[in-house]
Structure formats: structure tokens, C-alpha cells
Amino acid sequence: MVEQRSQSLIPWVERDRGHNLFAAAASKRQHGPDMRISVIIPALDEAGNIGRLVQETYASVPAEALAEVIVVDDASEDGTGSEVKELIETGRCPGLRYLRHGQRTGQSAAMRTGILAASSPVVATLDGDGQNDPRDIPRLLGRLAAPGGNGPALVGGVRTERKAEGSKRIASKAANWIRDAVLADACPDTGCGIKVYWREAFLRLPFFTSMHRYLPALFLSYGHEVAYLPVNDRPRQAGRSKYNNLGRALIGMYDLVGVSWLRRRTRVPAIVEDVPEGRHISDLGRRLKPRGDALARNTGDKS
């Protein structure tokens, strides 16, 4: 069943790979020939979507840039795992891994499981429903700075033409406006699942459920630069959304209070002297910008 979808899917994707050639070349020039990425796909009950998405990812990301694809199954009750394991058995997706949670813990926890397991210093994330387009990954990667260098540590997608139903689009716009008013993260679409970022920078962040909705704000809080690029958005082909507007709004308001507190209280001091020289200090620690005074001015924190 999966192989039949592969035969109809791959030629369609291959025709579009030319659109990524410039982005892939730019990425290679910026990151060097040895820079490869791990693609993390959290999934919950995405049978009918996940196999197609994995195949699209392998067809869309140049082989020299793709180290692995890790699917993290958050205790699905359908054929999600079977689709991925069938692809592994075919041997046509080198580096494909399948991890399954023993119990349902949420999208943020699934992302973190995959990122902890990743072998590359740069990760890309995609939602398991197939609405993110993996053909956008090379272009986002081309905008990302090399780990420890100057420039964006996270590049997020912005869905300029959303395919979700009208009520969800309205709710998303309202949530983005409220979040930006509170956090001042200037992120136009924090809910977009396709992002590329430094693995080590992510693992230094405080973990909490639903943190995936606040990654730009958290990266900024820890002194990193972020950037955004427009990306494609596609309709769901199978299954149904795991969220509803009311549930997401209630959780979002609760989390917003906590993230606002983190933004106000986080301090990342700059290292201005290192004696004797030559001792190891993480490149990330060395490059972080001082935030204390600027953050206090922006948030009104007087402590």
C-alpha cells in the first residue's frame, strides 16, 4: 500500500526539486559540505498522511543535506507506525527511524524525543499531518546561520495562504496578535510547524508541554536571532485535526503567562574575559548577546 503511493508521489515531487536547487546551493555555501540536518516529525494518528510525508521529505531534501528522518509516534492508535515501518523495511529511505512513546504526552514532548535522538547539529521539524511542505526545508536552511556563527539560530515558516477552515484562520490571527502584544517576539505565525534551528540551542531551553508554540520567543529570550520566510500550506489529506479553537485558546492563555514570566526573568550574560585562554567554552555561550539591560527596558522589569 505504501509502495503504491510512492510510485505515484515521487515523480510529482521530483518535478519540483528544481525549485530547491538555488536554496540548496546557498545552504551548501553557507554551511559547508559537511552540514547535514535531522528532520523530526511528531505524529499522532496520522495514518494516510505520514507515509506520504516521509517519502516527500526524502524526495525534496537533497541527499547530501539529509542525515536522517525521525518519526516520533505519540502513542497512535491507528496505522501510523505500520506505514513508517513498512518504509524502513523497503530500504528506500536511508536514515529513517521510528520512535514510539509508551503513552500520549503531546507534540512538544514528541519533538523533544526526536531532537534528543537526532545526530545532526541542525534539525528541521514538520507536523505529521502533511500540511507543511518539505520542499520548503532547503530554503529555510539556506537562511539559517551555521551553529555557533552569526545570524539566525531559528528560521520559521509563515503560512501566507492558509488552507485551514475560516474559523481556525481567524483564531490563529487573534492568537498571534495577543501573543505578540505580550511577548513582543514579532513572530507572524508561531503555530507554523515547519522550522529549522540549532539542536543545541533548543536543548538549552526550559522544557514544558506546548513549548513548540513559543519557540521564537524562547530563542529570543536566550539571546539568539530568529528569522521568518513564507512557506506553502496544504490541506489535510486524511484524518482530522487534534485541536479545537476553544481548547487551544485555554491552553494558550495559560502558557502565555508562563512564557511571559520566563522572558522577563531570563538573563544570559556575555563572556567578556576568559583567563587563561584556550579553555573550552561552548561557541553558543561565547556568541550570546547581553540581554539584561535591554530586556529590563523592554519589559519594565525593575528587579
Protein backbone atom coordinates (compact mmCIF):
# COMPACT_ATOMS: atom_id res chain seq x y z
CA MET A 1 0.00 0.00 0.00
CA VAL A 2 2.77 2.42 0.91
CA GLU A 3 4.83 1.46 -2.14
CA GLN A 4 1.88 2.18 -4.43
CA ARG A 5 1.66 5.70 -3.01
CA SER A 6 5.41 6.03 -3.53
CA GLN A 7 5.16 5.30 -7.23
CA SER A 8 2.51 7.97 -7.76
CA LEU A 9 4.09 10.52 -5.43
CA ILE A 10 7.79 10.55 -6.23
CA PRO A 11 7.61 11.66 -9.89
CA TRP A 12 5.34 14.56 -8.87
CA VAL A 13 7.82 15.68 -6.21
CA GLU A 14 10.86 15.21 -8.44
CA ARG A 15 9.46 17.70 -10.93
CA ASP A 16 9.54 20.33 -8.20
CA ARG A 17 13.04 19.68 -6.92
CA GLY A 18 14.43 22.22 -9.35
CA HIS A 19 12.81 24.97 -7.31
CA ASN A 20 15.07 23.97 -4.40
CA LEU A 21 18.36 23.89 -6.30
CA PHE A 22 19.25 27.52 -5.64
CA ALA A 23 18.34 27.21 -1.96
CA ALA A 24 20.35 24.01 -1.62
CA ALA A 25 23.39 25.61 -3.27
CA ALA A 26 23.14 28.64 -1.00
CA SER A 27 22.88 26.37 2.02
CA LYS A 28 25.98 24.43 0.97
CA ARG A 29 27.98 27.62 0.51
CA GLN A 30 26.92 28.92 3.92
CA HIS A 31 27.16 25.76 6.00
CA GLY A 32 29.85 23.83 4.17
CA PRO A 33 29.64 20.41 2.55
CA ASP A 34 29.54 18.54 5.88
CA MET A 35 26.45 20.27 7.29
CA ARG A 36 23.52 17.85 7.37
CA ILE A 37 20.15 18.04 9.05
CA SER A 38 17.88 15.74 11.01
CA VAL A 39 14.18 16.07 10.15
CA ILE A 40 11.88 15.44 13.11
CA ILE A 41 8.21 14.56 12.53
CA PRO A 42 5.96 14.17 15.58
CA ALA A 43 2.84 12.20 14.72
CA LEU A 44 -0.40 11.18 16.39
CA ASP A 45 -2.92 9.06 14.47
CA GLU A 46 -1.66 10.19 11.06
CA ALA A 47 -2.18 7.04 9.01
CA GLY A 48 -2.71 8.07 5.42
CA ASN A 49 -0.52 11.15 5.88
CA ILE A 50 2.74 10.08 7.48
CA GLY A 51 3.98 7.67 4.82
CA ARG A 52 3.42 10.19 2.06
CA LEU A 53 5.11 12.95 4.07
CA VAL A 54 8.20 10.84 4.75
CA GLN A 55 8.55 10.00 1.05
CA GLU A 56 8.10 13.65 0.11
CA THR A 57 10.83 14.62 2.55
CA TYR A 58 13.34 12.24 1.01
CA ALA A 59 12.40 13.43 -2.47
CA SER A 60 12.56 17.14 -1.59
CA VAL A 61 15.67 17.49 0.58
CA PRO A 62 18.97 16.83 -1.24
CA ALA A 63 20.55 13.58 -0.11
CA GLU A 64 23.83 15.31 0.78
CA ALA A 65 21.95 17.58 3.20
CA LEU A 66 19.71 14.95 4.82
CA ALA A 67 21.22 12.86 7.61
CA GLU A 68 18.04 11.22 8.84
CA VAL A 69 14.29 11.46 9.26
CA ILE A 70 12.97 10.60 12.73
CA VAL A 71 9.25 9.96 13.16
CA VAL A 72 8.11 10.11 16.78
CA ASP A 73 4.78 8.35 17.28
CA ASP A 74 2.97 9.78 20.31
CA ALA A 75 1.13 6.52 21.11
CA SER A 76 -1.04 6.45 17.99
CA GLU A 77 -3.97 4.05 17.84
CA ASP A 78 -4.09 3.70 14.05
CA GLY A 79 -1.68 2.52 11.37
CA THR A 80 0.84 5.37 11.76
CA GLY A 81 3.60 3.06 12.95
CA SER A 82 2.89 0.45 10.30
CA GLU A 83 3.29 3.00 7.48
CA VAL A 84 6.67 4.15 8.76
CA LYS A 85 8.00 0.67 9.49
CA GLU A 86 6.98 -0.51 6.01
CA LEU A 87 9.09 2.29 4.55
CA ILE A 88 12.04 1.30 6.76
CA GLU A 89 11.75 -2.30 5.55
CA THR A 90 11.90 -1.28 1.90
CA GLY A 91 15.37 0.25 2.45
CA ARG A 92 14.45 3.14 0.16
CA CYS A 93 14.63 5.76 2.92
CA PRO A 94 18.17 5.61 4.36
CA GLY A 95 18.36 7.02 7.86
CA LEU A 96 14.64 6.71 8.54
CA ARG A 97 13.93 5.98 12.23
CA TYR A 98 10.72 5.26 14.12
CA LEU A 99 10.33 6.00 17.83
CA ARG A 100 7.11 5.33 19.73
CA HIS A 101 6.03 6.77 23.07
CA GLY A 102 4.54 4.36 25.59
CA GLN A 103 1.85 6.88 26.42
CA ARG A 104 0.49 10.05 24.86
CA THR A 105 2.49 13.09 26.03
CA GLY A 106 1.85 15.80 23.41
CA GLN A 107 3.55 17.38 20.43
CA SER A 108 6.25 19.24 22.34
CA ALA A 109 7.36 16.08 24.14
CA ALA A 110 7.40 14.16 20.85
CA MET A 111 9.53 16.88 19.25
CA ARG A 112 11.97 16.79 22.15
CA THR A 113 12.25 12.99 21.97
CA GLY A 114 13.18 13.27 18.30
CA ILE A 115 15.63 16.12 18.83
CA LEU A 116 17.36 14.27 21.68
CA ALA A 117 17.75 11.28 19.36
CA ALA A 118 18.98 13.39 16.42
CA SER A 119 22.59 13.07 15.30
CA SER A 120 22.91 16.40 13.44
CA PRO A 121 23.61 19.87 14.89
CA VAL A 122 20.70 21.29 12.86
CA VAL A 123 17.12 20.00 12.98
CA ALA A 124 14.04 20.66 10.92
CA THR A 125 10.53 19.96 12.18
CA LEU A 126 7.37 19.13 10.26
CA ASP A 127 3.85 18.47 11.51
CA GLY A 128 2.83 14.88 10.88
CA ASP A 129 -0.45 15.80 9.17
CA GLY A 130 1.29 16.64 5.88
CA GLN A 131 0.13 20.25 5.76
CA ASN A 132 3.73 21.50 5.94
CA ASP A 133 5.57 21.18 2.63
CA PRO A 134 9.05 19.60 2.97
CA ARG A 135 10.08 21.32 -0.27
CA ASP A 136 10.44 24.47 1.86
CA ILE A 137 13.17 22.94 4.07
CA PRO A 138 16.17 23.71 1.80
CA ARG A 139 15.10 27.35 1.50
CA LEU A 140 14.73 27.74 5.28
CA LEU A 141 18.08 26.00 5.78
CA GLY A 142 19.70 28.45 3.39
CA ARG A 143 18.68 31.32 5.69
CA LEU A 144 19.92 29.62 8.88
CA ALA A 145 23.34 30.51 10.28
CA ALA A 146 25.83 27.75 10.93
CA PRO A 147 25.68 26.64 14.60
CA GLY A 148 27.75 28.99 16.74
CA GLY A 149 28.00 31.58 13.98
CA ASN A 150 26.41 34.97 13.47
CA GLY A 151 22.87 35.09 12.18
CA PRO A 152 19.58 33.32 12.81
CA ALA A 153 19.61 30.28 15.07
CA LEU A 154 16.00 29.60 14.11
CA VAL A 155 14.16 30.17 10.84
CA GLY A 156 10.41 29.68 10.97
CA GLY A 157 7.84 29.35 8.23
CA VAL A 158 4.97 31.78 7.74
CA ARG A 159 1.85 30.39 6.07
CA THR A 160 0.80 33.22 3.77
CA GLU A 161 -2.11 31.31 2.21
CA ARG A 162 -3.53 29.01 4.87
CA LYS A 163 -5.75 26.12 3.81
CA ALA A 164 -7.42 25.65 7.22
CA GLU A 165 -11.09 26.41 7.70
CA GLY A 166 -12.07 30.04 8.24
CA SER A 167 -12.68 29.79 11.99
CA LYS A 168 -9.19 28.38 12.57
CA ARG A 169 -7.58 31.11 10.47
CA ILE A 170 -9.38 33.80 12.46
CA ALA A 171 -8.49 32.15 15.77
CA SER A 172 -4.84 31.85 14.69
CA LYS A 173 -4.62 35.52 13.72
CA ALA A 174 -6.14 36.57 17.03
CA ALA A 175 -3.79 34.31 18.99
CA ASN A 176 -0.74 35.64 17.12
CA TRP A 177 -1.79 39.23 17.82
CA ILE A 178 -2.31 38.59 21.55
CA ARG A 179 0.95 36.64 21.86
CA ASP A 180 2.98 39.32 20.11
CA ALA A 181 1.40 42.04 22.25
CA VAL A 182 2.50 40.19 25.39
CA LEU A 183 5.83 38.66 24.32
CA ALA A 184 6.99 41.14 21.66
CA ASP A 185 8.54 38.33 19.63
CA ALA A 186 7.48 39.80 16.24
CA CYS A 187 6.55 36.32 15.02
CA PRO A 188 3.76 36.45 12.43
CA ASP A 189 2.91 32.71 12.62
CA THR A 190 4.25 30.92 15.66
CA GLY A 191 1.91 27.98 15.07
CA CYS A 192 3.52 27.02 11.78
CA GLY A 193 5.13 23.63 12.32
CA ILE A 194 7.92 23.86 9.76
CA LYS A 195 11.06 25.34 11.30
CA VAL A 196 14.81 24.78 11.16
CA TYR A 197 17.07 25.52 14.11
CA TRP A 198 20.17 24.61 16.08
CA ARG A 199 19.76 21.42 18.06
CA GLU A 200 21.96 22.53 20.97
CA ALA A 201 20.12 25.84 21.28
CA PHE A 202 16.80 24.02 21.55
CA LEU A 203 18.08 21.59 24.19
CA ARG A 204 19.25 24.50 26.36
CA LEU A 205 15.71 25.86 26.57
CA PRO A 206 13.47 25.06 29.56
CA PHE A 207 11.10 22.29 28.54
CA PHE A 208 7.35 22.39 29.09
CA THR A 209 4.35 20.99 27.26
CA SER A 210 3.19 23.25 24.40
CA MET A 211 6.61 24.93 24.18
CA HIS A 212 6.61 24.27 20.42
CA ARG A 213 4.18 27.19 20.05
CA TYR A 214 6.65 29.59 21.67
CA LEU A 215 9.99 28.65 20.14
CA PRO A 216 10.72 32.05 18.53
CA ALA A 217 10.09 33.85 21.84
CA LEU A 218 12.22 31.34 23.73
CA PHE A 219 15.10 31.56 21.27
CA LEU A 220 14.99 35.36 21.55
CA SER A 221 14.97 35.12 25.33
CA TYR A 222 18.20 33.17 25.23
CA GLY A 223 19.93 35.74 23.05
CA HIS A 224 19.54 34.18 19.61
CA GLU A 225 18.48 35.77 16.36
CA VAL A 226 15.40 34.43 14.56
CA ALA A 227 14.09 34.90 11.03
CA TYR A 228 10.95 34.01 9.07
CA LEU A 229 10.22 33.06 5.47
CA PRO A 230 6.93 32.45 3.65
CA VAL A 231 6.10 28.78 3.15
CA ASN A 232 3.48 26.67 1.45
CA ASP A 233 0.44 25.41 3.36
CA ARG A 234 -1.56 22.41 2.20
CA PRO A 235 -4.93 20.90 3.08
CA ARG A 236 -5.03 17.80 5.25
CA GLN A 237 -5.48 14.68 3.10
CA ALA A 238 -6.58 12.18 5.75
CA GLY A 239 -7.69 12.08 9.39
CA ARG A 240 -8.70 15.09 11.42
CA SER A 241 -7.11 17.85 13.47
CA LYS A 242 -6.19 17.07 17.07
CA TYR A 243 -7.04 20.62 18.24
CA ASN A 244 -10.14 22.73 18.59
CA ASN A 245 -10.27 26.50 18.90
CA LEU A 246 -11.54 26.63 22.49
CA GLY A 247 -9.10 24.05 23.85
CA ARG A 248 -6.16 25.68 22.15
CA ALA A 249 -7.18 29.14 23.40
CA LEU A 250 -7.48 28.00 27.03
CA ILE A 251 -4.11 26.23 26.99
CA GLY A 252 -2.54 29.12 25.09
CA MET A 253 -3.56 31.75 27.65
CA TYR A 254 -2.23 29.63 30.50
CA ASP A 255 1.10 29.08 28.72
CA LEU A 256 1.34 32.73 27.70
CA VAL A 257 1.54 33.79 31.34
CA GLY A 258 4.39 31.36 31.98
CA VAL A 259 6.37 32.28 28.86
CA SER A 260 5.96 35.98 29.66
CA TRP A 261 7.44 35.29 33.10
CA LEU A 262 10.35 33.40 31.51
CA ARG A 263 11.00 36.26 29.10
CA ARG A 264 11.18 38.74 31.96
CA ARG A 265 13.36 36.65 34.24
CA THR A 266 15.86 35.15 31.76
CA ARG A 267 19.37 36.61 31.82
CA VAL A 268 22.19 35.48 29.52
CA PRO A 269 25.46 37.21 30.49
CA ALA A 270 28.11 37.86 27.88
CA ILE A 271 31.59 36.43 28.49
CA VAL A 272 33.93 39.43 28.36
CA GLU A 273 37.08 37.83 29.78
CA ASP A 274 38.48 34.31 29.64
CA VAL A 275 41.78 33.65 31.52
CA PRO A 276 43.78 31.60 30.74
CA GLU A 277 42.80 31.47 27.10
CA GLY A 278 42.34 28.23 25.24
CA ARG A 279 39.94 26.56 27.69
CA HIS A 280 36.76 25.22 26.10
CA ILE A 281 33.69 27.43 26.15
CA SER A 282 30.72 26.50 24.01
CA ASP A 283 30.51 28.54 20.83
CA LEU A 284 26.90 29.21 21.71
CA GLY A 285 27.88 30.68 25.07
CA ARG A 286 30.57 32.84 23.51
CA ARG A 287 28.27 34.36 20.87
CA LEU A 288 25.24 35.14 23.04
CA LYS A 289 24.49 38.82 23.32
CA PRO A 290 24.00 40.61 26.65
CA ARG A 291 20.29 40.98 27.27
CA GLY A 292 19.89 42.22 30.84
CA ASP A 293 19.61 45.98 30.41
CA ALA A 294 17.77 45.86 27.09
CA LEU A 295 15.25 43.32 28.38
CA ALA A 296 14.60 45.34 31.53
CA ARG A 297 13.89 48.41 29.41
CA ASN A 298 11.58 46.49 27.09
CA THR A 299 9.57 44.71 29.77
CA GLY A 300 9.69 47.21 32.57
CA ASP A 301 11.34 44.70 34.92
CA LYS A 302 12.93 46.72 37.73
CA SER A 303 14.26 43.83 39.82
